[in-house]
PDB file of all heavy atoms in Angstrom:
ATOM      1  N   SER A   1     177.688 -62.106-147.832  1.00  0.00           N
ATOM      2  CA  SER A   1     178.719 -61.396-147.068  1.00  0.00           C
ATOM      3  C   SER A   1     180.110 -61.583-147.674  1.00  0.00           C
ATOM      4  O   SER A   1     181.101 -61.181-147.073  1.00  0.00           O
ATOM      5  CB  SER A   1     178.701 -61.851-145.602  1.00  0.00           C
ATOM      6  OG  SER A   1     178.749 -63.254-145.499  1.00  0.00           O
ATOM      7  N   ARG A   2     180.176 -62.191-148.854  1.00  0.00           N
ATOM      8  CA  ARG A   2     181.395 -62.316-149.657  1.00  0.00           C
ATOM      9  C   ARG A   2     182.453 -63.224-149.035  1.00  0.00           C
ATOM     10  O   ARG A   2     183.646 -63.117-149.323  1.00  0.00           O
ATOM     11  CB  ARG A   2     181.986 -60.942-149.976  1.00  0.00           C
ATOM     12  CG  ARG A   2     181.074 -60.048-150.792  1.00  0.00           C
ATOM     13  CD  ARG A   2     180.735 -60.639-152.169  1.00  0.00           C
ATOM     14  NE  ARG A   2     181.920 -60.767-153.004  1.00  0.00           N
ATOM     15  CZ  ARG A   2     182.387 -61.933-153.467  1.00  0.00           C
ATOM     16  NH1 ARG A   2     181.789 -63.073-153.196  1.00  0.00           N
ATOM     17  NH2 ARG A   2     183.473 -61.958-154.211  1.00  0.00           N
ATOM     18  N   LEU A   3     182.019 -64.150-148.194  1.00  0.00           N
ATOM     19  CA  LEU A   3     182.937 -65.169-147.699  1.00  0.00           C
ATOM     20  C   LEU A   3     183.125 -66.265-148.740  1.00  0.00           C
ATOM     21  O   LEU A   3     184.161 -66.931-148.753  1.00  0.00           O
ATOM     22  CB  LEU A   3     182.407 -65.761-146.390  1.00  0.00           C
ATOM     23  CG  LEU A   3     182.276 -64.783-145.219  1.00  0.00           C
ATOM     24  CD1 LEU A   3     181.707 -65.495-144.000  1.00  0.00           C
ATOM     25  CD2 LEU A   3     183.623 -64.159-144.879  1.00  0.00           C
ATOM     26  N   TYR A   4     182.107 -66.469-149.593  1.00  0.00           N
ATOM     27  CA  TYR A   4     182.196 -67.422-150.688  1.00  0.00           C
ATOM     28  C   TYR A   4     182.045 -66.676-152.017  1.00  0.00           C
ATOM     29  O   TYR A   4     181.357 -65.653-152.090  1.00  0.00           O
ATOM     30  CB  TYR A   4     181.077 -68.463-150.619  1.00  0.00           C
ATOM     31  CG  TYR A   4     181.181 -69.474-149.503  1.00  0.00           C
ATOM     32  CD1 TYR A   4     180.109 -70.332-149.261  1.00  0.00           C
ATOM     33  CD2 TYR A   4     182.315 -69.596-148.702  1.00  0.00           C
ATOM     34  CE1 TYR A   4     180.160 -71.276-148.233  1.00  0.00           C
ATOM     35  CE2 TYR A   4     182.374 -70.525-147.689  1.00  0.00           C
ATOM     36  CZ  TYR A   4     181.301 -71.363-147.451  1.00  0.00           C
ATOM     37  OH  TYR A   4     181.344 -72.286-146.442  1.00  0.00           O
ATOM     38  N   ASP A   5     182.660 -67.212-153.045  1.00  0.00           N
ATOM     39  CA  ASP A   5     182.451 -66.733-154.410  1.00  0.00           C
ATOM     40  C   ASP A   5     181.385 -67.592-155.083  1.00  0.00           C
ATOM     41  O   ASP A   5     181.298 -68.801-154.839  1.00  0.00           O
ATOM     42  CB  ASP A   5     183.750 -66.805-155.217  1.00  0.00           C
ATOM     43  CG  ASP A   5     184.772 -65.780-154.776  1.00  0.00           C
ATOM     44  OD1 ASP A   5     184.366 -64.657-154.408  1.00  0.00           O
ATOM     45  OD2 ASP A   5     185.979 -66.095-154.780  1.00  0.00           O
ATOM     46  N   ALA A   6     180.585 -66.955-155.909  1.00  0.00           N
ATOM     47  CA  ALA A   6     179.557 -67.685-156.657  1.00  0.00           C
ATOM     48  C   ALA A   6     180.150 -68.229-157.945  1.00  0.00           C
ATOM     49  O   ALA A   6     181.067 -67.640-158.532  1.00  0.00           O
ATOM     50  CB  ALA A   6     178.384 -66.775-156.961  1.00  0.00           C
ATOM     51  N   SER A   7     179.612 -69.350-158.400  1.00  0.00           N
ATOM     52  CA  SER A   7     180.011 -69.898-159.693  1.00  0.00           C
ATOM     53  C   SER A   7     179.349 -69.131-160.830  1.00  0.00           C
ATOM     54  O   SER A   7     179.938 -68.950-161.902  1.00  0.00           O
ATOM     55  CB  SER A   7     179.638 -71.384-159.766  1.00  0.00           C
ATOM     56  OG  SER A   7     180.234 -72.107-158.705  1.00  0.00           O
ATOM     57  N   SER A   8     178.122 -68.683-160.586  1.00  0.00           N
ATOM     58  CA  SER A   8     177.402 -67.877-161.577  1.00  0.00           C
ATOM     59  C   SER A   8     176.250 -67.183-160.877  1.00  0.00           C
ATOM     60  O   SER A   8     175.894 -67.491-159.747  1.00  0.00           O
ATOM     61  CB  SER A   8     176.885 -68.750-162.725  1.00  0.00           C
ATOM     62  OG  SER A   8     175.976 -69.723-162.250  1.00  0.00           O
ATOM     63  N   GLY A   9     175.670 -66.210-161.576  1.00  0.00           N
ATOM     64  CA  GLY A   9     174.523 -65.494-161.041  1.00  0.00           C
ATOM     65  C   GLY A   9     174.880 -64.103-160.553  1.00  0.00           C
ATOM     66  O   GLY A   9     175.979 -63.592-160.798  1.00  0.00           O
ATOM     67  N   SER A  10     173.947 -63.493-159.841  1.00  0.00           N
ATOM     68  CA  SER A  10     174.086 -62.099-159.441  1.00  0.00           C
ATOM     69  C   SER A  10     173.416 -61.866-158.100  1.00  0.00           C
ATOM     70  O   SER A  10     172.391 -62.483-157.784  1.00  0.00           O
ATOM     71  CB  SER A  10     173.429 -61.208-160.509  1.00  0.00           C
ATOM     72  OG  SER A  10     173.405 -59.854-160.106  1.00  0.00           O
ATOM     73  N   ILE A  11     174.021 -60.983-157.277  1.00  0.00           N
ATOM     74  CA  ILE A  11     173.403 -60.498-156.046  1.00  0.00           C
ATOM     75  C   ILE A  11     173.526 -58.973-156.066  1.00  0.00           C
ATOM     76  O   ILE A  11     174.627 -58.438-155.974  1.00  0.00           O
ATOM     77  CB  ILE A  11     174.084 -61.048-154.781  1.00  0.00           C
ATOM     78  CG1 ILE A  11     174.115 -62.579-154.777  1.00  0.00           C
ATOM     79  CG2 ILE A  11     173.366 -60.536-153.533  1.00  0.00           C
ATOM     80  CD1 ILE A  11     174.880 -63.165-153.607  1.00  0.00           C
ATOM     81  N   VAL A  12     172.396 -58.280-156.181  1.00  0.00           N
ATOM     82  CA  VAL A  12     172.393 -56.819-156.286  1.00  0.00           C
ATOM     83  C   VAL A  12     171.725 -56.240-155.047  1.00  0.00           C
ATOM     84  O   VAL A  12     170.584 -56.578-154.721  1.00  0.00           O
ATOM     85  CB  VAL A  12     171.652 -56.359-157.557  1.00  0.00           C
ATOM     86  CG1 VAL A  12     171.599 -54.837-157.611  1.00  0.00           C
ATOM     87  CG2 VAL A  12     172.354 -56.903-158.794  1.00  0.00           C
ATOM     88  N   PHE A  13     172.454 -55.348-154.360  1.00  0.00           N
ATOM     89  CA  PHE A  13     171.941 -54.673-153.178  1.00  0.00           C
ATOM     90  C   PHE A  13     171.883 -53.182-153.449  1.00  0.00           C
ATOM     91  O   PHE A  13     172.904 -52.541-153.682  1.00  0.00           O
ATOM     92  CB  PHE A  13     172.848 -54.951-151.970  1.00  0.00           C
ATOM     93  CG  PHE A  13     172.473 -54.186-150.726  1.00  0.00           C
ATOM     94  CD1 PHE A  13     171.337 -54.521-150.017  1.00  0.00           C
ATOM     95  CD2 PHE A  13     173.242 -53.126-150.272  1.00  0.00           C
ATOM     96  CE1 PHE A  13     170.979 -53.819-148.872  1.00  0.00           C
ATOM     97  CE2 PHE A  13     172.902 -52.424-149.133  1.00  0.00           C
ATOM     98  CZ  PHE A  13     171.761 -52.774-148.429  1.00  0.00           C
ATOM     99  N   GLU A  14     170.681 -52.626-153.473  1.00  0.00           N
ATOM    100  CA  GLU A  14     170.458 -51.202-153.763  1.00  0.00           C
ATOM    101  C   GLU A  14     171.224 -50.757-155.014  1.00  0.00           C
ATOM    102  O   GLU A  14     171.859 -49.710-155.030  1.00  0.00           O
ATOM    103  CB  GLU A  14     170.841 -50.345-152.562  1.00  0.00           C
ATOM    104  CG  GLU A  14     169.923 -50.527-151.362  1.00  0.00           C
ATOM    105  CD  GLU A  14     170.145 -49.475-150.297  1.00  0.00           C
ATOM    106  OE1 GLU A  14     171.308 -49.075-150.061  1.00  0.00           O
ATOM    107  OE2 GLU A  14     169.141 -49.045-149.683  1.00  0.00           O
ATOM    108  N   GLY A  15     171.172 -51.578-156.052  1.00  0.00           N
ATOM    109  CA  GLY A  15     171.799 -51.239-157.320  1.00  0.00           C
ATOM    110  C   GLY A  15     173.271 -51.602-157.438  1.00  0.00           C
ATOM    111  O   GLY A  15     173.860 -51.409-158.503  1.00  0.00           O
ATOM    112  N   THR A  16     173.891 -52.126-156.380  1.00  0.00           N
ATOM    113  CA  THR A  16     175.312 -52.481-156.401  1.00  0.00           C
ATOM    114  C   THR A  16     175.462 -53.991-156.478  1.00  0.00           C
ATOM    115  O   THR A  16     174.872 -54.725-155.670  1.00  0.00           O
ATOM    116  CB  THR A  16     176.024 -51.963-155.138  1.00  0.00           C
ATOM    117  OG1 THR A  16     175.944 -50.538-155.098  1.00  0.00           O
ATOM    118  CG2 THR A  16     177.489 -52.374-155.128  1.00  0.00           C
ATOM    119  N   GLU A  17     176.256 -54.455-157.433  1.00  0.00           N
ATOM    120  CA  GLU A  17     176.534 -55.874-157.578  1.00  0.00           C
ATOM    121  C   GLU A  17     177.517 -56.318-156.495  1.00  0.00           C
ATOM    122  O   GLU A  17     178.678 -55.924-156.489  1.00  0.00           O
ATOM    123  CB  GLU A  17     177.109 -56.175-158.965  1.00  0.00           C
ATOM    124  CG  GLU A  17     177.586 -57.610-159.163  1.00  0.00           C
ATOM    125  CD  GLU A  17     176.486 -58.633-158.924  1.00  0.00           C
ATOM    126  OE1 GLU A  17     175.553 -58.700-159.738  1.00  0.00           O
ATOM    127  OE2 GLU A  17     176.588 -59.352-157.907  1.00  0.00           O
ATOM    128  N   LEU A  18     177.043 -57.146-155.556  1.00  0.00           N
ATOM    129  CA  LEU A  18     177.878 -57.549-154.429  1.00  0.00           C
ATOM    130  C   LEU A  18     178.997 -58.501-154.835  1.00  0.00           C
ATOM    131  O   LEU A  18     180.054 -58.525-154.192  1.00  0.00           O
ATOM    132  CB  LEU A  18     177.020 -58.212-153.346  1.00  0.00           C
ATOM    133  CG  LEU A  18     175.956 -57.352-152.676  1.00  0.00           C
ATOM    134  CD1 LEU A  18     175.304 -58.128-151.534  1.00  0.00           C
ATOM    135  CD2 LEU A  18     176.540 -56.043-152.159  1.00  0.00           C
ATOM    136  N   LEU A  19     178.773 -59.295-155.857  1.00  0.00           N
ATOM    137  CA  LEU A  19     179.766 -60.295-156.225  1.00  0.00           C
ATOM    138  C   LEU A  19     181.040 -59.672-156.788  1.00  0.00           C
ATOM    139  O   LEU A  19     182.051 -60.363-156.942  1.00  0.00           O
ATOM    140  CB  LEU A  19     179.173 -61.287-157.231  1.00  0.00           C
ATOM    141  CG  LEU A  19     178.003 -62.124-156.694  1.00  0.00           C
ATOM    142  CD1 LEU A  19     177.504 -63.085-157.746  1.00  0.00           C
ATOM    143  CD2 LEU A  19     178.396 -62.870-155.424  1.00  0.00           C
ATOM    144  N   ASN A  20     180.993 -58.367-157.087  1.00  0.00           N
ATOM    145  CA  ASN A  20     182.190 -57.650-157.521  1.00  0.00           C
ATOM    146  C   ASN A  20     182.905 -56.961-156.366  1.00  0.00           C
ATOM    147  O   ASN A  20     183.948 -56.341-156.567  1.00  0.00           O
ATOM    148  CB  ASN A  20     181.832 -56.595-158.574  1.00  0.00           C
ATOM    149  CG  ASN A  20     181.283 -57.215-159.848  1.00  0.00           C
ATOM    150  OD1 ASN A  20     181.631 -58.337-160.192  1.00  0.00           O
ATOM    151  ND2 ASN A  20     180.420 -56.485-160.543  1.00  0.00           N
ATOM    152  N   MET A  21     182.337 -57.045-155.155  1.00  0.00           N
ATOM    153  CA  MET A  21     182.865 -56.314-154.011  1.00  0.00           C
ATOM    154  C   MET A  21     183.757 -57.211-153.166  1.00  0.00           C
ATOM    155  O   MET A  21     183.487 -58.402-153.020  1.00  0.00           O
ATOM    156  CB  MET A  21     181.716 -55.795-153.138  1.00  0.00           C
ATOM    157  CG  MET A  21     180.711 -54.918-153.859  1.00  0.00           C
ATOM    158  SD  MET A  21     181.378 -53.299-154.268  1.00  0.00           S
ATOM    159  CE  MET A  21     181.534 -52.592-152.633  1.00  0.00           C
ATOM    160  N   PRO A  22     184.820 -56.640-152.550  1.00  0.00           N
ATOM    161  CA  PRO A  22     185.595 -57.413-151.571  1.00  0.00           C
ATOM    162  C   PRO A  22     184.809 -57.559-150.281  1.00  0.00           C
ATOM    163  O   PRO A  22     183.924 -56.751-149.975  1.00  0.00           O
ATOM    164  CB  PRO A  22     186.853 -56.563-151.361  1.00  0.00           C
ATOM    165  CG  PRO A  22     186.413 -55.160-151.668  1.00  0.00           C
ATOM    166  CD  PRO A  22     185.378 -55.284-152.753  1.00  0.00           C
ATOM    167  N   ALA A  23     185.134 -58.587-149.508  1.00  0.00           N
ATOM    168  CA  ALA A  23     184.374 -58.869-148.288  1.00  0.00           C
ATOM    169  C   ALA A  23     184.396 -57.704-147.312  1.00  0.00           C
ATOM    170  O   ALA A  23     183.389 -57.410-146.654  1.00  0.00           O
ATOM    171  CB  ALA A  23     184.923 -60.133-147.622  1.00  0.00           C
ATOM    172  N   HIS A  24     185.540 -56.999-147.222  1.00  0.00           N
ATOM    173  CA  HIS A  24     185.645 -55.927-146.226  1.00  0.00           C
ATOM    174  C   HIS A  24     184.785 -54.712-146.564  1.00  0.00           C
ATOM    175  O   HIS A  24     184.582 -53.847-145.709  1.00  0.00           O
ATOM    176  CB  HIS A  24     187.106 -55.493-146.054  1.00  0.00           C
ATOM    177  CG  HIS A  24     187.680 -54.796-147.243  1.00  0.00           C
ATOM    178  ND1 HIS A  24     188.420 -55.452-148.199  1.00  0.00           N
ATOM    179  CD2 HIS A  24     187.626 -53.498-147.635  1.00  0.00           C
ATOM    180  CE1 HIS A  24     188.804 -54.584-149.127  1.00  0.00           C
ATOM    181  NE2 HIS A  24     188.329 -53.397-148.805  1.00  0.00           N
ATOM    182  N   ALA A  25     184.265 -54.638-147.792  1.00  0.00           N
ATOM    183  CA  ALA A  25     183.453 -53.485-148.194  1.00  0.00           C
ATOM    184  C   ALA A  25     181.962 -53.697-147.956  1.00  0.00           C
ATOM    185  O   ALA A  25     181.180 -52.746-148.060  1.00  0.00           O
ATOM    186  CB  ALA A  25     183.697 -53.175-149.675  1.00  0.00           C
ATOM    187  N   ILE A  26     181.551 -54.909-147.624  1.00  0.00           N
ATOM    188  CA  ILE A  26     180.128 -55.216-147.535  1.00  0.00           C
ATOM    189  C   ILE A  26     179.441 -54.459-146.397  1.00  0.00           C
ATOM    190  O   ILE A  26     178.359 -53.902-146.552  1.00  0.00           O
ATOM    191  CB  ILE A  26     179.921 -56.737-147.380  1.00  0.00           C
ATOM    192  CG1 ILE A  26     180.425 -57.462-148.636  1.00  0.00           C
ATOM    193  CG2 ILE A  26     178.452 -57.055-147.136  1.00  0.00           C
ATOM    194  CD1 ILE A  26     179.745 -57.071-149.917  1.00  0.00           C
ATOM    195  N   ALA A  27     180.073 -54.424-145.228  1.00  0.00           N
ATOM    196  CA  ALA A  27     179.463 -53.730-144.087  1.00  0.00           C
ATOM    197  C   ALA A  27     179.271 -52.252-144.378  1.00  0.00           C
ATOM    198  O   ALA A  27     178.282 -51.648-143.955  1.00  0.00           O
ATOM    199  CB  ALA A  27     180.310 -53.926-142.830  1.00  0.00           C
ATOM    200  N   GLY A  28     180.203 -51.652-145.116  1.00  0.00           N
ATOM    201  CA  GLY A  28     180.103 -50.243-145.454  1.00  0.00           C
ATOM    202  C   GLY A  28     178.933 -49.920-146.365  1.00  0.00           C
ATOM    203  O   GLY A  28     178.471 -48.777-146.418  1.00  0.00           O
ATOM    204  N   LEU A  29     178.423 -50.927-147.086  1.00  0.00           N
ATOM    205  CA  LEU A  29     177.248 -50.735-147.931  1.00  0.00           C
ATOM    206  C   LEU A  29     175.954 -50.720-147.122  1.00  0.00           C
ATOM    207  O   LEU A  29     174.917 -50.287-147.615  1.00  0.00           O
ATOM    208  CB  LEU A  29     177.164 -51.847-148.982  1.00  0.00           C
ATOM    209  CG  LEU A  29     178.250 -51.886-150.053  1.00  0.00           C
ATOM    210  CD1 LEU A  29     178.053 -53.112-150.944  1.00  0.00           C
ATOM    211  CD2 LEU A  29     178.257 -50.620-150.890  1.00  0.00           C
ATOM    212  N   GLY A  30     176.024 -51.232-145.886  1.00  0.00           N
ATOM    213  CA  GLY A  30     174.825 -51.291-145.054  1.00  0.00           C
ATOM    214  C   GLY A  30     174.301 -52.696-144.848  1.00  0.00           C
ATOM    215  O   GLY A  30     173.104 -52.887-144.615  1.00  0.00           O
ATOM    216  N   ILE A  31     175.188 -53.700-144.926  1.00  0.00           N
ATOM    217  CA  ILE A  31     174.807 -55.092-144.688  1.00  0.00           C
ATOM    218  C   ILE A  31     175.603 -55.601-143.491  1.00  0.00           C
ATOM    219  O   ILE A  31     176.830 -55.490-143.455  1.00  0.00           O
ATOM    220  CB  ILE A  31     175.095 -55.980-145.911  1.00  0.00           C
ATOM    221  CG1 ILE A  31     174.313 -55.480-147.129  1.00  0.00           C
ATOM    222  CG2 ILE A  31     174.740 -57.441-145.612  1.00  0.00           C
ATOM    223  CD1 ILE A  31     174.625 -56.227-148.412  1.00  0.00           C
ATOM    224  N   SER A  32     174.903 -56.138-142.512  1.00  0.00           N
ATOM    225  CA  SER A  32     175.550 -56.676-141.324  1.00  0.00           C
ATOM    226  C   SER A  32     174.970 -58.052-141.040  1.00  0.00           C
ATOM    227  O   SER A  32     173.838 -58.346-141.432  1.00  0.00           O
ATOM    228  CB  SER A  32     175.338 -55.742-140.130  1.00  0.00           C
ATOM    229  OG  SER A  32     176.069 -56.162-139.005  1.00  0.00           O
ATOM    230  N   ARG A  33     175.749 -58.912-140.333  1.00  0.00           N
ATOM    231  CA  ARG A  33     175.282 -60.272-140.105  1.00  0.00           C
ATOM    232  C   ARG A  33     175.702 -60.792-138.743  1.00  0.00           C
ATOM    233  O   ARG A  33     176.640 -60.299-138.126  1.00  0.00           O
ATOM    234  CB  ARG A  33     175.798 -61.218-141.186  1.00  0.00           C
ATOM    235  CG  ARG A  33     177.289 -61.521-141.104  1.00  0.00           C
ATOM    236  CD  ARG A  33     177.687 -62.661-142.022  1.00  0.00           C
ATOM    237  NE  ARG A  33     177.146 -63.941-141.567  1.00  0.00           N
ATOM    238  CZ  ARG A  33     177.363 -65.095-142.186  1.00  0.00           C
ATOM    239  NH1 ARG A  33     178.088 -65.137-143.294  1.00  0.00           N
ATOM    240  NH2 ARG A  33     176.859 -66.222-141.715  1.00  0.00           N
ATOM    241  N   THR A  34     174.963 -61.796-138.283  1.00  0.00           N
ATOM    242  CA  THR A  34     175.374 -62.620-137.161  1.00  0.00           C
ATOM    243  C   THR A  34     175.803 -63.970-137.724  1.00  0.00           C
ATOM    244  O   THR A  34     175.585 -64.270-138.898  1.00  0.00           O
ATOM    245  CB  THR A  34     174.247 -62.816-136.143  1.00  0.00           C
ATOM    246  OG1 THR A  34     173.170 -63.536-136.764  1.00  0.00           O
ATOM    247  CG2 THR A  34     173.733 -61.477-135.638  1.00  0.00           C
ATOM    248  N   PHE A  35     176.405 -64.795-136.857  1.00  0.00           N
ATOM    249  CA  PHE A  35     176.928 -66.082-137.308  1.00  0.00           C
ATOM    250  C   PHE A  35     176.272 -67.217-136.538  1.00  0.00           C
ATOM    251  O   PHE A  35     175.938 -67.090-135.360  1.00  0.00           O
ATOM    252  CB  PHE A  35     178.447 -66.139-137.123  1.00  0.00           C
ATOM    253  CG  PHE A  35     179.193 -65.237-138.059  1.00  0.00           C
ATOM    254  CD1 PHE A  35     179.415 -63.909-137.739  1.00  0.00           C
ATOM    255  CD2 PHE A  35     179.673 -65.704-139.275  1.00  0.00           C
ATOM    256  CE1 PHE A  35     180.096 -63.066-138.605  1.00  0.00           C
ATOM    257  CE2 PHE A  35     180.348 -64.870-140.142  1.00  0.00           C
ATOM    258  CZ  PHE A  35     180.563 -63.546-139.810  1.00  0.00           C
ATOM    259  N   GLN A  36     176.119 -68.337-137.227  1.00  0.00           N
ATOM    260  CA  GLN A  36     175.556 -69.534-136.609  1.00  0.00           C
ATOM    261  C   GLN A  36     176.415 -69.981-135.428  1.00  0.00           C
ATOM    262  O   GLN A  36     175.903 -70.343-134.374  1.00  0.00           O
ATOM    263  CB  GLN A  36     175.462 -70.641-137.660  1.00  0.00           C
ATOM    264  CG  GLN A  36     174.829 -71.914-137.189  1.00  0.00           C
ATOM    265  CD  GLN A  36     174.695 -72.924-138.307  1.00  0.00           C
ATOM    266  OE1 GLN A  36     174.816 -72.590-139.499  1.00  0.00           O
ATOM    267  NE2 GLN A  36     174.447 -74.164-137.956  1.00  0.00           N
ATOM    268  N   ASN A  37     177.728 -69.969-135.607  1.00  0.00           N
ATOM    269  CA  ASN A  37     178.667 -70.236-134.523  1.00  0.00           C
ATOM    270  C   ASN A  37     179.194 -68.894-134.033  1.00  0.00           C
ATOM    271  O   ASN A  37     179.746 -68.119-134.812  1.00  0.00           O
ATOM    272  CB  ASN A  37     179.813 -71.115-135.013  1.00  0.00           C
ATOM    273  CG  ASN A  37     179.333 -72.472-135.487  1.00  0.00           C
ATOM    274  OD1 ASN A  37     178.559 -73.129-134.809  1.00  0.00           O
ATOM    275  ND2 ASN A  37     179.777 -72.890-136.669  1.00  0.00           N
ATOM    276  N   LEU A  38     179.014 -68.617-132.749  1.00  0.00           N
ATOM    277  CA  LEU A  38     179.346 -67.308-132.200  1.00  0.00           C
ATOM    278  C   LEU A  38     180.792 -66.923-132.506  1.00  0.00           C
ATOM    279  O   LEU A  38     181.704 -67.736-132.401  1.00  0.00           O
ATOM    280  CB  LEU A  38     179.126 -67.302-130.683  1.00  0.00           C
ATOM    281  CG  LEU A  38     177.675 -67.469-130.228  1.00  0.00           C
ATOM    282  CD1 LEU A  38     177.606 -67.557-128.715  1.00  0.00           C
ATOM    283  CD2 LEU A  38     176.814 -66.330-130.729  1.00  0.00           C
ATOM    284  N   ALA A  39     180.974 -65.648-132.889  1.00  0.00           N
ATOM    285  CA  ALA A  39     182.304 -65.140-133.247  1.00  0.00           C
ATOM    286  C   ALA A  39     182.623 -63.928-132.372  1.00  0.00           C
ATOM    287  O   ALA A  39     182.862 -62.830-132.862  1.00  0.00           O
ATOM    288  CB  ALA A  39     182.353 -64.769-134.727  1.00  0.00           C
ATOM    289  N   LEU A  40     182.604 -64.152-131.043  1.00  0.00           N
ATOM    290  CA  LEU A  40     182.842 -63.075-130.090  1.00  0.00           C
ATOM    291  C   LEU A  40     184.245 -63.171-129.512  1.00  0.00           C
ATOM    292  O   LEU A  40     184.875 -64.230-129.542  1.00  0.00           O
ATOM    293  CB  LEU A  40     181.820 -63.144-128.953  1.00  0.00           C
ATOM    294  CG  LEU A  40     180.344 -62.994-129.344  1.00  0.00           C
ATOM    295  CD1 LEU A  40     179.447 -63.307-128.156  1.00  0.00           C
ATOM    296  CD2 LEU A  40     180.061 -61.599-129.886  1.00  0.00           C
ATOM    297  N   PHE A  41     184.729 -62.051-128.956  1.00  0.00           N
ATOM    298  CA  PHE A  41     185.994 -62.023-128.240  1.00  0.00           C
ATOM    299  C   PHE A  41     185.683 -62.248-126.766  1.00  0.00           C
ATOM    300  O   PHE A  41     185.254 -61.330-126.057  1.00  0.00           O
ATOM    301  CB  PHE A  41     186.712 -60.696-128.472  1.00  0.00           C
ATOM    302  CG  PHE A  41     187.158 -60.512-129.893  1.00  0.00           C
ATOM    303  CD1 PHE A  41     186.324 -59.925-130.832  1.00  0.00           C
ATOM    304  CD2 PHE A  41     188.411 -60.946-130.298  1.00  0.00           C
ATOM    305  CE1 PHE A  41     186.729 -59.761-132.148  1.00  0.00           C
ATOM    306  CE2 PHE A  41     188.827 -60.795-131.616  1.00  0.00           C
ATOM    307  CZ  PHE A  41     187.986 -60.205-132.539  1.00  0.00           C
ATOM    308  N   LYS A  42     185.893 -63.472-126.308  1.00  0.00           N
ATOM    309  CA  LYS A  42     185.410 -63.891-124.994  1.00  0.00           C
ATOM    310  C   LYS A  42     186.061 -63.126-123.841  1.00  0.00           C
ATOM    311  O   LYS A  42     185.475 -62.989-122.770  1.00  0.00           O
ATOM    312  CB  LYS A  42     185.628 -65.388-124.807  1.00  0.00           C
ATOM    313  CG  LYS A  42     184.871 -66.260-125.808  1.00  0.00           C
ATOM    314  CD  LYS A  42     183.382 -66.127-125.642  1.00  0.00           C
ATOM    315  CE  LYS A  42     182.631 -67.026-126.617  1.00  0.00           C
ATOM    316  NZ  LYS A  42     182.756 -68.440-126.284  1.00  0.00           N
ATOM    317  N   SER A  43     187.295 -62.635-124.020  1.00  0.00           N
ATOM    318  CA  SER A  43     187.977 -61.940-122.922  1.00  0.00           C
ATOM    319  C   SER A  43     187.553 -60.476-122.809  1.00  0.00           C
ATOM    320  O   SER A  43     187.840 -59.827-121.799  1.00  0.00           O
ATOM    321  CB  SER A  43     189.498 -62.015-123.104  1.00  0.00           C
ATOM    322  OG  SER A  43     189.883 -61.358-124.302  1.00  0.00           O
ATOM    323  N   LEU A  44     186.882 -59.946-123.841  1.00  0.00           N
ATOM    324  CA  LEU A  44     186.428 -58.558-123.814  1.00  0.00           C
ATOM    325  C   LEU A  44     185.046 -58.450-123.182  1.00  0.00           C
ATOM    326  O   LEU A  44     184.277 -59.412-123.154  1.00  0.00           O
ATOM    327  CB  LEU A  44     186.381 -57.987-125.227  1.00  0.00           C
ATOM    328  CG  LEU A  44     187.707 -57.896-125.988  1.00  0.00           C
ATOM    329  CD1 LEU A  44     187.468 -57.264-127.358  1.00  0.00           C
ATOM    330  CD2 LEU A  44     188.750 -57.118-125.211  1.00  0.00           C
ATOM    331  N   THR A  45     184.724 -57.264-122.697  1.00  0.00           N
ATOM    332  CA  THR A  45     183.401 -57.031-122.131  1.00  0.00           C
ATOM    333  C   THR A  45     182.343 -56.983-123.231  1.00  0.00           C
ATOM    334  O   THR A  45     182.660 -56.869-124.428  1.00  0.00           O
ATOM    335  CB  THR A  45     183.351 -55.714-121.351  1.00  0.00           C
ATOM    336  OG1 THR A  45     183.545 -54.634-122.280  1.00  0.00           O
ATOM    337  CG2 THR A  45     184.419 -55.665-120.270  1.00  0.00           C
ATOM    338  N   VAL A  46     181.098 -57.045-122.805  1.00  0.00           N
ATOM    339  CA  VAL A  46     179.989 -56.889-123.746  1.00  0.00           C
ATOM    340  C   VAL A  46     180.109 -55.563-124.485  1.00  0.00           C
ATOM    341  O   VAL A  46     179.995 -55.508-125.722  1.00  0.00           O
ATOM    342  CB  VAL A  46     178.648 -56.965-122.994  1.00  0.00           C
ATOM    343  CG1 VAL A  46     177.493 -56.538-123.895  1.00  0.00           C
ATOM    344  CG2 VAL A  46     178.411 -58.369-122.458  1.00  0.00           C
TER     345      VAL A  46
END
């Protein structure tokens, strides 16, 4: 999800090298994630 940079290697998703992408572009490629520690806006509704 591009929160960390790799020291070496490659991650290719449907032909696109993710390690060259900014973090904000990952969701637009079709990758979504949940987090181990919840990252919700508690004052907002479901």
